[in-house]
Amino acid sequence: MFRIRRICKPKTRPDTWKVAGILKNVCAEYEKKGRSPATIVIGGFGTPGAEITVTAEWDQESIEANPRKDVPEIIMSKYSVELAKLIQSNEIQFYEIATDEKLNQWGVA
């Protein structure tokens, strides 16, 4: 099991909630295709933080390439274009979740 985080840094403070809305829409399109629900969080806007970020986070069983043919068309034609105008950077992070099964495999649990 893996946790995936997509972290966007808005260009301006007023863009923060717009970015959150677009990420929510992007994630909803993938959820229609079976991906687990994502949580959208904002850091540094109304909470302490070094900079303002908008993060989409979800869990999935494996990490695999996402071929263009599997990307919902509305993401490519609308949401990606809108998002690109509002963010200064975009990063994706991957984490392996330490499940009981994996801990047992490593002789830890």
PDB file of N, CA and C in Angstrom:
ATOM      1  N   MET A   1       0.855  -1.175   0.000  1.00  0.00           N
ATOM      2  CA  MET A   1       0.000   0.000   0.000  1.00  0.00           C
ATOM      3  C   MET A   1       0.898   1.235   0.000  1.00  0.00           C
ATOM      4  N   PHE A   2       0.488   2.218  -0.780  1.00  0.00           N
ATOM      5  CA  PHE A   2       1.281   3.433  -0.921  1.00  0.00           C
ATOM      6  C   PHE A   2       0.423   4.667  -0.703  1.00  0.00           C
ATOM      7  N   ARG A   3       1.032   5.710  -0.187  1.00  0.00           N
ATOM      8  CA  ARG A   3       0.383   7.014  -0.060  1.00  0.00           C
ATOM      9  C   ARG A   3       1.048   7.924  -1.071  1.00  0.00           C
ATOM     10  N   ILE A   4       0.220   8.607  -1.856  1.00  0.00           N
ATOM     11  CA  ILE A   4       0.700   9.517  -2.888  1.00  0.00           C
ATOM     12  C   ILE A   4       0.262  10.931  -2.497  1.00  0.00           C
ATOM     13  N   ARG A   5       1.186  11.859  -2.626  1.00  0.00           N
ATOM     14  CA  ARG A   5       0.880  13.266  -2.352  1.00  0.00           C
ATOM     15  C   ARG A   5       1.265  14.110  -3.559  1.00  0.00           C
ATOM     16  N   ARG A   6       0.327  14.913  -3.997  1.00  0.00           N
ATOM     17  CA  ARG A   6       0.603  15.897  -5.047  1.00  0.00           C
ATOM     18  C   ARG A   6       0.547  17.261  -4.376  1.00  0.00           C
ATOM     19  N   ILE A   7       1.683  17.951  -4.381  1.00  0.00           N
ATOM     20  CA  ILE A   7       1.806  19.214  -3.661  1.00  0.00           C
ATOM     21  C   ILE A   7       1.953  20.356  -4.661  1.00  0.00           C
ATOM     22  N   CYS A   8       1.033  21.300  -4.591  1.00  0.00           N
ATOM     23  CA  CYS A   8       1.075  22.465  -5.464  1.00  0.00           C
ATOM     24  C   CYS A   8       1.332  23.715  -4.625  1.00  0.00           C
ATOM     25  N   LYS A   9       2.129  24.624  -5.193  1.00  0.00           N
ATOM     26  CA  LYS A   9       2.384  25.905  -4.545  1.00  0.00           C
ATOM     27  C   LYS A   9       1.735  26.993  -5.396  1.00  0.00           C
ATOM     28  N   PRO A  10       0.674  27.598  -4.863  1.00  0.00           N
ATOM     29  CA  PRO A  10      -0.009  28.650  -5.620  1.00  0.00           C
ATOM     30  C   PRO A  10       0.908  29.843  -5.889  1.00  0.00           C
ATOM     31  N   LYS A  11       0.686  30.523  -7.009  1.00  0.00           N
ATOM     32  CA  LYS A  11       1.467  31.717  -7.343  1.00  0.00           C
ATOM     33  C   LYS A  11       1.163  32.854  -6.383  1.00  0.00           C
ATOM     34  N   THR A  12      -0.124  33.000  -6.035  1.00  0.00           N
ATOM     35  CA  THR A  12      -0.522  34.077  -5.134  1.00  0.00           C
ATOM     36  C   THR A  12      -1.451  33.526  -4.051  1.00  0.00           C
ATOM     37  N   ARG A  13      -1.502  34.227  -2.946  1.00  0.00           N
ATOM     38  CA  ARG A  13      -2.366  33.825  -1.829  1.00  0.00           C
ATOM     39  C   ARG A  13      -3.838  33.678  -2.260  1.00  0.00           C
ATOM     40  N   PRO A  14      -4.382  34.640  -3.026  1.00  0.00           N
ATOM     41  CA  PRO A  14      -5.785  34.497  -3.442  1.00  0.00           C
ATOM     42  C   PRO A  14      -6.069  33.271  -4.307  1.00  0.00           C
ATOM     43  N   ASP A  15      -5.033  32.689  -4.933  1.00  0.00           N
ATOM     44  CA  ASP A  15      -5.228  31.510  -5.783  1.00  0.00           C
ATOM     45  C   ASP A  15      -5.372  30.215  -4.984  1.00  0.00           C
ATOM     46  N   THR A  16      -5.077  30.251  -3.702  1.00  0.00           N
ATOM     47  CA  THR A  16      -5.022  29.031  -2.881  1.00  0.00           C
ATOM     48  C   THR A  16      -6.295  28.202  -2.968  1.00  0.00           C
ATOM     49  N   TRP A  17      -7.424  28.798  -2.722  1.00  0.00           N
ATOM     50  CA  TRP A  17      -8.672  28.033  -2.695  1.00  0.00           C
ATOM     51  C   TRP A  17      -9.099  27.611  -4.102  1.00  0.00           C
ATOM     52  N   LYS A  18      -8.717  28.383  -5.123  1.00  0.00           N
ATOM     53  CA  LYS A  18      -8.982  27.975  -6.507  1.00  0.00           C
ATOM     54  C   LYS A  18      -8.194  26.700  -6.832  1.00  0.00           C
ATOM     55  N   VAL A  19      -6.934  26.669  -6.422  1.00  0.00           N
ATOM     56  CA  VAL A  19      -6.112  25.487  -6.639  1.00  0.00           C
ATOM     57  C   VAL A  19      -6.720  24.283  -5.925  1.00  0.00           C
ATOM     58  N   ALA A  20      -7.173  24.491  -4.687  1.00  0.00           N
ATOM     59  CA  ALA A  20      -7.800  23.396  -3.928  1.00  0.00           C
ATOM     60  C   ALA A  20      -9.030  22.861  -4.671  1.00  0.00           C
ATOM     61  N   GLY A  21      -9.829  23.746  -5.222  1.00  0.00           N
ATOM     62  CA  GLY A  21     -11.015  23.319  -5.955  1.00  0.00           C
ATOM     63  C   GLY A  21     -10.682  22.525  -7.208  1.00  0.00           C
ATOM     64  N   ILE A  22      -9.659  22.969  -7.919  1.00  0.00           N
ATOM     65  CA  ILE A  22      -9.256  22.249  -9.135  1.00  0.00           C
ATOM     66  C   ILE A  22      -8.703  20.874  -8.769  1.00  0.00           C
ATOM     67  N   LEU A  23      -7.854  20.802  -7.734  1.00  0.00           N
ATOM     68  CA  LEU A  23      -7.332  19.494  -7.319  1.00  0.00           C
ATOM     69  C   LEU A  23      -8.456  18.565  -6.885  1.00  0.00           C
ATOM     70  N   LYS A  24      -9.457  19.105  -6.221  1.00  0.00           N
ATOM     71  CA  LYS A  24     -10.607  18.286  -5.812  1.00  0.00           C
ATOM     72  C   LYS A  24     -11.305  17.724  -7.050  1.00  0.00           C
ATOM     73  N   ASN A  25     -11.465  18.550  -8.077  1.00  0.00           N
ATOM     74  CA  ASN A  25     -12.111  18.094  -9.316  1.00  0.00           C
ATOM     75  C   ASN A  25     -11.270  17.035 -10.023  1.00  0.00           C
ATOM     76  N   VAL A  26      -9.962  17.238 -10.071  1.00  0.00           N
ATOM     77  CA  VAL A  26      -9.067  16.264 -10.695  1.00  0.00           C
ATOM     78  C   VAL A  26      -9.192  14.926  -9.979  1.00  0.00           C
ATOM     79  N   CYS A  27      -9.118  14.966  -8.655  1.00  0.00           N
ATOM     80  CA  CYS A  27      -9.200  13.727  -7.879  1.00  0.00           C
ATOM     81  C   CYS A  27     -10.556  13.046  -8.059  1.00  0.00           C
ATOM     82  N   ALA A  28     -11.617  13.823  -8.142  1.00  0.00           N
ATOM     83  CA  ALA A  28     -12.962  13.251  -8.342  1.00  0.00           C
ATOM     84  C   ALA A  28     -13.036  12.486  -9.659  1.00  0.00           C
ATOM     85  N   GLU A  29     -12.380  12.985 -10.699  1.00  0.00           N
ATOM     86  CA  GLU A  29     -12.372  12.290 -11.988  1.00  0.00           C
ATOM     87  C   GLU A  29     -11.666  10.940 -11.872  1.00  0.00           C
ATOM     88  N   TYR A  30     -10.551  10.897 -11.155  1.00  0.00           N
ATOM     89  CA  TYR A  30      -9.850   9.626 -10.964  1.00  0.00           C
ATOM     90  C   TYR A  30     -10.635   8.688 -10.055  1.00  0.00           C
ATOM     91  N   GLU A  31     -11.344   9.245  -9.087  1.00  0.00           N
ATOM     92  CA  GLU A  31     -12.164   8.417  -8.199  1.00  0.00           C
ATOM     93  C   GLU A  31     -13.290   7.742  -8.978  1.00  0.00           C
ATOM     94  N   LYS A  32     -13.827   8.405  -9.990  1.00  0.00           N
ATOM     95  CA  LYS A  32     -14.838   7.794 -10.857  1.00  0.00           C
ATOM     96  C   LYS A  32     -14.278   6.562 -11.563  1.00  0.00           C
ATOM     97  N   LYS A  33     -12.953   6.551 -11.764  1.00  0.00           N
ATOM     98  CA  LYS A  33     -12.290   5.432 -12.435  1.00  0.00           C
ATOM     99  C   LYS A  33     -11.785   4.381 -11.435  1.00  0.00           C
ATOM    100  N   GLY A  34     -12.125   4.573 -10.143  1.00  0.00           N
ATOM    101  CA  GLY A  34     -11.802   3.554  -9.155  1.00  0.00           C
ATOM    102  C   GLY A  34     -10.688   3.880  -8.175  1.00  0.00           C
ATOM    103  N   ARG A  35     -10.052   5.031  -8.324  1.00  0.00           N
ATOM    104  CA  ARG A  35      -9.000   5.378  -7.373  1.00  0.00           C
ATOM    105  C   ARG A  35      -9.618   5.704  -6.017  1.00  0.00           C
ATOM    106  N   SER A  36      -8.898   5.456  -4.939  1.00  0.00           N
ATOM    107  CA  SER A  36      -9.423   5.735  -3.610  1.00  0.00           C
ATOM    108  C   SER A  36      -9.629   7.238  -3.427  1.00  0.00           C
ATOM    109  N   PRO A  37     -10.551   7.603  -2.544  1.00  0.00           N
ATOM    110  CA  PRO A  37     -10.825   9.027  -2.320  1.00  0.00           C
ATOM    111  C   PRO A  37      -9.590   9.781  -1.831  1.00  0.00           C
ATOM    112  N   ALA A  38      -9.469  11.003  -2.295  1.00  0.00           N
ATOM    113  CA  ALA A  38      -8.353  11.859  -1.902  1.00  0.00           C
ATOM    114  C   ALA A  38      -8.811  12.867  -0.859  1.00  0.00           C
ATOM    115  N   THR A  39      -7.866  13.307  -0.077  1.00  0.00           N
ATOM    116  CA  THR A  39      -8.082  14.401   0.857  1.00  0.00           C
ATOM    117  C   THR A  39      -7.284  15.588   0.343  1.00  0.00           C
ATOM    118  N   ILE A  40      -7.920  16.746   0.295  1.00  0.00           N
ATOM    119  CA  ILE A  40      -7.256  17.972  -0.129  1.00  0.00           C
ATOM    120  C   ILE A  40      -7.008  18.802   1.120  1.00  0.00           C
ATOM    121  N   VAL A  41      -5.749  19.208   1.319  1.00  0.00           N
ATOM    122  CA  VAL A  41      -5.415  20.017   2.494  1.00  0.00           C
ATOM    123  C   VAL A  41      -4.640  21.257   2.069  1.00  0.00           C
ATOM    124  N   ILE A  42      -4.783  22.319   2.850  1.00  0.00           N
ATOM    125  CA  ILE A  42      -4.085  23.577   2.599  1.00  0.00           C
ATOM    126  C   ILE A  42      -3.192  23.849   3.800  1.00  0.00           C
ATOM    127  N   GLY A  43      -1.942  24.145   3.536  1.00  0.00           N
ATOM    128  CA  GLY A  43      -1.004  24.474   4.596  1.00  0.00           C
ATOM    129  C   GLY A  43      -0.476  25.879   4.418  1.00  0.00           C
ATOM    130  N   GLY A  44      -0.307  26.581   5.531  1.00  0.00           N
ATOM    131  CA  GLY A  44       0.313  27.896   5.496  1.00  0.00           C
ATOM    132  C   GLY A  44      -0.597  29.041   5.126  1.00  0.00           C
ATOM    133  N   PHE A  45      -1.858  28.793   4.875  1.00  0.00           N
ATOM    134  CA  PHE A  45      -2.793  29.871   4.533  1.00  0.00           C
ATOM    135  C   PHE A  45      -3.420  30.412   5.815  1.00  0.00           C
ATOM    136  N   GLY A  46      -4.102  29.551   6.541  1.00  0.00           N
ATOM    137  CA  GLY A  46      -4.706  29.944   7.815  1.00  0.00           C
ATOM    138  C   GLY A  46      -4.065  29.217   8.981  1.00  0.00           C
ATOM    139  N   THR A  47      -3.042  28.436   8.677  1.00  0.00           N
ATOM    140  CA  THR A  47      -2.317  27.683   9.697  1.00  0.00           C
ATOM    141  C   THR A  47      -0.834  28.018   9.577  1.00  0.00           C
ATOM    142  N   PRO A  48      -0.060  27.780  10.633  1.00  0.00           N
ATOM    143  CA  PRO A  48       1.378  28.065  10.533  1.00  0.00           C
ATOM    144  C   PRO A  48       2.026  27.228   9.433  1.00  0.00           C
ATOM    145  N   GLY A  49       2.962  27.815   8.749  1.00  0.00           N
ATOM    146  CA  GLY A  49       3.691  27.112   7.697  1.00  0.00           C
ATOM    147  C   GLY A  49       4.673  28.037   7.021  1.00  0.00           C
ATOM    148  N   ALA A  50       5.741  27.463   6.506  1.00  0.00           N
ATOM    149  CA  ALA A  50       6.775  28.261   5.853  1.00  0.00           C
ATOM    150  C   ALA A  50       6.278  28.867   4.544  1.00  0.00           C
ATOM    151  N   GLU A  51       5.379  28.159   3.866  1.00  0.00           N
ATOM    152  CA  GLU A  51       4.824  28.643   2.609  1.00  0.00           C
ATOM    153  C   GLU A  51       3.437  28.042   2.419  1.00  0.00           C
ATOM    154  N   ILE A  52       2.692  28.614   1.520  1.00  0.00           N
ATOM    155  CA  ILE A  52       1.346  28.120   1.252  1.00  0.00           C
ATOM    156  C   ILE A  52       1.430  26.954   0.259  1.00  0.00           C
ATOM    157  N   THR A  53       0.805  25.844   0.628  1.00  0.00           N
ATOM    158  CA  THR A  53       0.741  24.681  -0.253  1.00  0.00           C
ATOM    159  C   THR A  53      -0.688  24.144  -0.275  1.00  0.00           C
ATOM    160  N   VAL A  54      -1.019  23.497  -1.371  1.00  0.00           N
ATOM    161  CA  VAL A  54      -2.281  22.772  -1.499  1.00  0.00           C
ATOM    162  C   VAL A  54      -1.894  21.350  -1.885  1.00  0.00           C
ATOM    163  N   THR A  55      -2.344  20.394  -1.076  1.00  0.00           N
ATOM    164  CA  THR A  55      -1.935  19.008  -1.262  1.00  0.00           C
ATOM    165  C   THR A  55      -3.140  18.104  -1.456  1.00  0.00           C
ATOM    166  N   ALA A  56      -3.044  17.220  -2.443  1.00  0.00           N
ATOM    167  CA  ALA A  56      -4.006  16.130  -2.626  1.00  0.00           C
ATOM    168  C   ALA A  56      -3.282  14.865  -2.192  1.00  0.00           C
ATOM    169  N   GLU A  57      -3.934  14.065  -1.363  1.00  0.00           N
ATOM    170  CA  GLU A  57      -3.297  12.866  -0.810  1.00  0.00           C
ATOM    171  C   GLU A  57      -4.272  11.697  -0.891  1.00  0.00           C
ATOM    172  N   TRP A  58      -3.777  10.540  -1.374  1.00  0.00           N
ATOM    173  CA  TRP A  58      -4.607   9.353  -1.473  1.00  0.00           C
ATOM    174  C   TRP A  58      -3.744   8.121  -1.333  1.00  0.00           C
ATOM    175  N   ASP A  59      -4.395   6.984  -1.082  1.00  0.00           N
ATOM    176  CA  ASP A  59      -3.701   5.703  -0.961  1.00  0.00           C
ATOM    177  C   ASP A  59      -4.040   4.836  -2.168  1.00  0.00           C
ATOM    178  N   GLN A  60      -3.066   4.008  -2.564  1.00  0.00           N
ATOM    179  CA  GLN A  60      -3.324   3.035  -3.625  1.00  0.00           C
ATOM    180  C   GLN A  60      -2.446   1.818  -3.409  1.00  0.00           C
ATOM    181  N   GLU A  61      -2.885   0.692  -3.975  1.00  0.00           N
ATOM    182  CA  GLU A  61      -2.215  -0.589  -3.755  1.00  0.00           C
ATOM    183  C   GLU A  61      -0.829  -0.659  -4.359  1.00  0.00           C
ATOM    184  N   SER A  62      -0.634  -0.022  -5.509  1.00  0.00           N
ATOM    185  CA  SER A  62       0.665  -0.107  -6.180  1.00  0.00           C
ATOM    186  C   SER A  62       0.961   1.217  -6.867  1.00  0.00           C
ATOM    187  N   ILE A  63       2.224   1.353  -7.242  1.00  0.00           N
ATOM    188  CA  ILE A  63       2.636   2.538  -7.994  1.00  0.00           C
ATOM    189  C   ILE A  63       2.930   2.080  -9.419  1.00  0.00           C
ATOM    190  N   GLU A  64       2.190   2.646 -10.347  1.00  0.00           N
ATOM    191  CA  GLU A  64       2.349   2.286 -11.750  1.00  0.00           C
ATOM    192  C   GLU A  64       2.295   3.547 -12.599  1.00  0.00           C
ATOM    193  N   ALA A  65       2.845   3.473 -13.781  1.00  0.00           N
ATOM    194  CA  ALA A  65       2.754   4.595 -14.713  1.00  0.00           C
ATOM    195  C   ALA A  65       1.289   4.870 -15.024  1.00  0.00           C
ATOM    196  N   ASN A  66       0.979   6.126 -15.282  1.00  0.00           N
ATOM    197  CA  ASN A  66      -0.371   6.531 -15.633  1.00  0.00           C
ATOM    198  C   ASN A  66      -0.365   6.946 -17.107  1.00  0.00           C
ATOM    199  N   PRO A  67      -0.604   5.976 -18.025  1.00  0.00           N
ATOM    200  CA  PRO A  67      -0.537   6.309 -19.449  1.00  0.00           C
ATOM    201  C   PRO A  67      -1.561   7.375 -19.843  1.00  0.00           C
ATOM    202  N   ARG A  68      -1.221   8.155 -20.821  1.00  0.00           N
ATOM    203  CA  ARG A  68      -2.082   9.242 -21.297  1.00  0.00           C
ATOM    204  C   ARG A  68      -3.502   8.762 -21.577  1.00  0.00           C
ATOM    205  N   LYS A  69      -3.633   7.567 -22.128  1.00  0.00           N
ATOM    206  CA  LYS A  69      -4.965   7.050 -22.471  1.00  0.00           C
ATOM    207  C   LYS A  69      -5.845   6.839 -21.236  1.00  0.00           C
ATOM    208  N   ASP A  70      -5.240   6.750 -20.042  1.00  0.00           N
ATOM    209  CA  ASP A  70      -5.998   6.541 -18.815  1.00  0.00           C
ATOM    210  C   ASP A  70      -6.330   7.831 -18.076  1.00  0.00           C
ATOM    211  N   VAL A  71      -5.838   8.954 -18.579  1.00  0.00           N
ATOM    212  CA  VAL A  71      -6.130  10.247 -17.951  1.00  0.00           C
ATOM    213  C   VAL A  71      -7.468  10.744 -18.477  1.00  0.00           C
ATOM    214  N   PRO A  72      -8.431  11.016 -17.580  1.00  0.00           N
ATOM    215  CA  PRO A  72      -9.721  11.526 -18.048  1.00  0.00           C
ATOM    216  C   PRO A  72      -9.543  12.786 -18.909  1.00  0.00           C
ATOM    217  N   GLU A  73     -10.256  12.862 -19.990  1.00  0.00           N
ATOM    218  CA  GLU A  73     -10.102  13.945 -20.960  1.00  0.00           C
ATOM    219  C   GLU A  73     -10.300  15.327 -20.340  1.00  0.00           C
ATOM    220  N   ILE A  74     -11.251  15.467 -19.425  1.00  0.00           N
ATOM    221  CA  ILE A  74     -11.504  16.778 -18.822  1.00  0.00           C
ATOM    222  C   ILE A  74     -10.292  17.276 -18.033  1.00  0.00           C
ATOM    223  N   ILE A  75      -9.497  16.353 -17.517  1.00  0.00           N
ATOM    224  CA  ILE A  75      -8.278  16.755 -16.802  1.00  0.00           C
ATOM    225  C   ILE A  75      -7.300  17.376 -17.786  1.00  0.00           C
ATOM    226  N   MET A  76      -7.103  16.738 -18.919  1.00  0.00           N
ATOM    227  CA  MET A  76      -6.156  17.245 -19.911  1.00  0.00           C
ATOM    228  C   MET A  76      -6.652  18.528 -20.580  1.00  0.00           C
ATOM    229  N   SER A  77      -7.923  18.588 -20.901  1.00  0.00           N
ATOM    230  CA  SER A  77      -8.438  19.718 -21.672  1.00  0.00           C
ATOM    231  C   SER A  77      -8.820  20.921 -20.812  1.00  0.00           C
ATOM    232  N   LYS A  78      -9.115  20.705 -19.544  1.00  0.00           N
ATOM    233  CA  LYS A  78      -9.590  21.815 -18.714  1.00  0.00           C
ATOM    234  C   LYS A  78      -8.768  22.000 -17.437  1.00  0.00           C
ATOM    235  N   TYR A  79      -8.769  20.997 -16.570  1.00  0.00           N
ATOM    236  CA  TYR A  79      -8.191  21.179 -15.232  1.00  0.00           C
ATOM    237  C   TYR A  79      -6.683  21.417 -15.252  1.00  0.00           C
ATOM    238  N   SER A  80      -5.947  20.721 -16.104  1.00  0.00           N
ATOM    239  CA  SER A  80      -4.493  20.924 -16.165  1.00  0.00           C
ATOM    240  C   SER A  80      -4.149  22.332 -16.642  1.00  0.00           C
ATOM    241  N   VAL A  81      -4.916  22.823 -17.595  1.00  0.00           N
ATOM    242  CA  VAL A  81      -4.698  24.168 -18.124  1.00  0.00           C
ATOM    243  C   VAL A  81      -4.976  25.204 -17.040  1.00  0.00           C
ATOM    244  N   GLU A  82      -6.096  25.045 -16.319  1.00  0.00           N
ATOM    245  CA  GLU A  82      -6.449  25.979 -15.248  1.00  0.00           C
ATOM    246  C   GLU A  82      -5.410  25.952 -14.136  1.00  0.00           C
ATOM    247  N   LEU A  83      -4.993  24.759 -13.760  1.00  0.00           N
ATOM    248  CA  LEU A  83      -4.039  24.608 -12.674  1.00  0.00           C
ATOM    249  C   LEU A  83      -2.694  25.236 -13.024  1.00  0.00           C
ATOM    250  N   ALA A  84      -2.234  25.033 -14.237  1.00  0.00           N
ATOM    251  CA  ALA A  84      -0.940  25.574 -14.671  1.00  0.00           C
ATOM    252  C   ALA A  84      -0.884  27.093 -14.544  1.00  0.00           C
ATOM    253  N   LYS A  85      -2.001  27.757 -14.731  1.00  0.00           N
ATOM    254  CA  LYS A  85      -2.044  29.220 -14.635  1.00  0.00           C
ATOM    255  C   LYS A  85      -1.937  29.709 -13.192  1.00  0.00           C
ATOM    256  N   LEU A  86      -2.267  28.837 -12.232  1.00  0.00           N
ATOM    257  CA  LEU A  86      -2.369  29.264 -10.839  1.00  0.00           C
ATOM    258  C   LEU A  86      -1.225  28.817  -9.936  1.00  0.00           C
ATOM    259  N   ILE A  87      -0.384  27.901 -10.412  1.00  0.00           N
ATOM    260  CA  ILE A  87       0.660  27.372  -9.532  1.00  0.00           C
ATOM    261  C   ILE A  87       2.059  27.707 -10.039  1.00  0.00           C
ATOM    262  N   GLN A  88       2.977  27.807  -9.066  1.00  0.00           N
ATOM    263  CA  GLN A  88       4.381  28.043  -9.424  1.00  0.00           C
ATOM    264  C   GLN A  88       5.168  26.750  -9.449  1.00  0.00           C
ATOM    265  N   SER A  89       4.665  25.714  -8.753  1.00  0.00           N
ATOM    266  CA  SER A  89       5.340  24.420  -8.798  1.00  0.00           C
ATOM    267  C   SER A  89       4.365  23.309  -8.429  1.00  0.00           C
ATOM    268  N   ASN A  90       4.761  22.103  -8.805  1.00  0.00           N
ATOM    269  CA  ASN A  90       3.942  20.915  -8.614  1.00  0.00           C
ATOM    270  C   ASN A  90       4.899  19.761  -8.331  1.00  0.00           C
ATOM    271  N   GLU A  91       4.708  19.076  -7.233  1.00  0.00           N
ATOM    272  CA  GLU A  91       5.594  17.975  -6.850  1.00  0.00           C
ATOM    273  C   GLU A  91       4.746  16.767  -6.477  1.00  0.00           C
ATOM    274  N   ILE A  92       5.230  15.582  -6.811  1.00  0.00           N
ATOM    275  CA  ILE A  92       4.539  14.363  -6.403  1.00  0.00           C
ATOM    276  C   ILE A  92       5.482  13.563  -5.518  1.00  0.00           C
ATOM    277  N   GLN A  93       4.964  13.134  -4.359  1.00  0.00           N
ATOM    278  CA  GLN A  93       5.745  12.341  -3.411  1.00  0.00           C
ATOM    279  C   GLN A  93       5.092  10.976  -3.258  1.00  0.00           C
ATOM    280  N   PHE A  94       5.927   9.959  -3.052  1.00  0.00           N
ATOM    281  CA  PHE A  94       5.454   8.590  -2.896  1.00  0.00           C
ATOM    282  C   PHE A  94       5.965   8.033  -1.574  1.00  0.00           C
ATOM    283  N   TYR A  95       5.075   7.402  -0.816  1.00  0.00           N
ATOM    284  CA  TYR A  95       5.429   6.799   0.464  1.00  0.00           C
ATOM    285  C   TYR A  95       4.881   5.382   0.523  1.00  0.00           C
ATOM    286  N   GLU A  96       5.652   4.480   1.073  1.00  0.00           N
ATOM    287  CA  GLU A  96       5.161   3.126   1.313  1.00  0.00           C
ATOM    288  C   GLU A  96       4.577   3.093   2.720  1.00  0.00           C
ATOM    289  N   ILE A  97       3.365   2.572   2.850  1.00  0.00           N
ATOM    290  CA  ILE A  97       2.698   2.515   4.149  1.00  0.00           C
ATOM    291  C   ILE A  97       3.154   1.264   4.895  1.00  0.00           C
ATOM    292  N   ALA A  98       3.545   1.445   6.134  1.00  0.00           N
ATOM    293  CA  ALA A  98       4.019   0.335   6.965  1.00  0.00           C
ATOM    294  C   ALA A  98       2.810  -0.411   7.530  1.00  0.00           C
ATOM    295  N   THR A  99       2.211  -1.263   6.697  1.00  0.00           N
ATOM    296  CA  THR A  99       1.068  -2.072   7.133  1.00  0.00           C
ATOM    297  C   THR A  99       1.564  -3.220   8.014  1.00  0.00           C
ATOM    298  N   ASP A 100       0.664  -3.830   8.754  1.00  0.00           N
ATOM    299  CA  ASP A 100       1.035  -4.983   9.578  1.00  0.00           C
ATOM    300  C   ASP A 100       1.644  -6.085   8.717  1.00  0.00           C
ATOM    301  N   GLU A 101       1.067  -6.307   7.546  1.00  0.00           N
ATOM    302  CA  GLU A 101       1.569  -7.338   6.642  1.00  0.00           C
ATOM    303  C   GLU A 101       3.025  -7.068   6.239  1.00  0.00           C
ATOM    304  N   LYS A 102       3.322  -5.830   5.870  1.00  0.00           N
ATOM    305  CA  LYS A 102       4.677  -5.497   5.468  1.00  0.00           C
ATOM    306  C   LYS A 102       5.639  -5.559   6.656  1.00  0.00           C
ATOM    307  N   LEU A 103       5.181  -5.134   7.820  1.00  0.00           N
ATOM    308  CA  LEU A 103       6.026  -5.224   9.015  1.00  0.00           C
ATOM    309  C   LEU A 103       6.345  -6.677   9.322  1.00  0.00           C
ATOM    310  N   ASN A 104       5.351  -7.553   9.174  1.00  0.00           N
ATOM    311  CA  ASN A 104       5.584  -8.981   9.385  1.00  0.00           C
ATOM    312  C   ASN A 104       6.582  -9.543   8.379  1.00  0.00           C
ATOM    313  N   GLN A 105       6.469  -9.095   7.119  1.00  0.00           N
ATOM    314  CA  GLN A 105       7.409  -9.558   6.103  1.00  0.00           C
ATOM    315  C   GLN A 105       8.850  -9.192   6.469  1.00  0.00           C
ATOM    316  N   TRP A 106       9.030  -8.073   7.127  1.00  0.00           N
ATOM    317  CA  TRP A 106      10.355  -7.626   7.515  1.00  0.00           C
ATOM    318  C   TRP A 106      10.751  -8.118   8.911  1.00  0.00           C
ATOM    319  N   GLY A 107       9.890  -8.923   9.520  1.00  0.00           N
ATOM    320  CA  GLY A 107      10.190  -9.492  10.827  1.00  0.00           C
ATOM    321  C   GLY A 107      10.177  -8.489  11.956  1.00  0.00           C
ATOM    322  N   VAL A 108       9.368  -7.434  11.796  1.00  0.00           N
ATOM    323  CA  VAL A 108       9.332  -6.365  12.792  1.00  0.00           C
ATOM    324  C   VAL A 108       8.145  -6.498  13.742  1.00  0.00           C
ATOM    325  N   ALA A 109       7.037  -6.982  13.258  1.00  0.00           N
ATOM    326  CA  ALA A 109       5.825  -7.028  14.084  1.00  0.00           C
ATOM    327  C   ALA A 109       5.616  -8.444  14.639  1.00  0.00           C
TER     328      ALA A 109
END
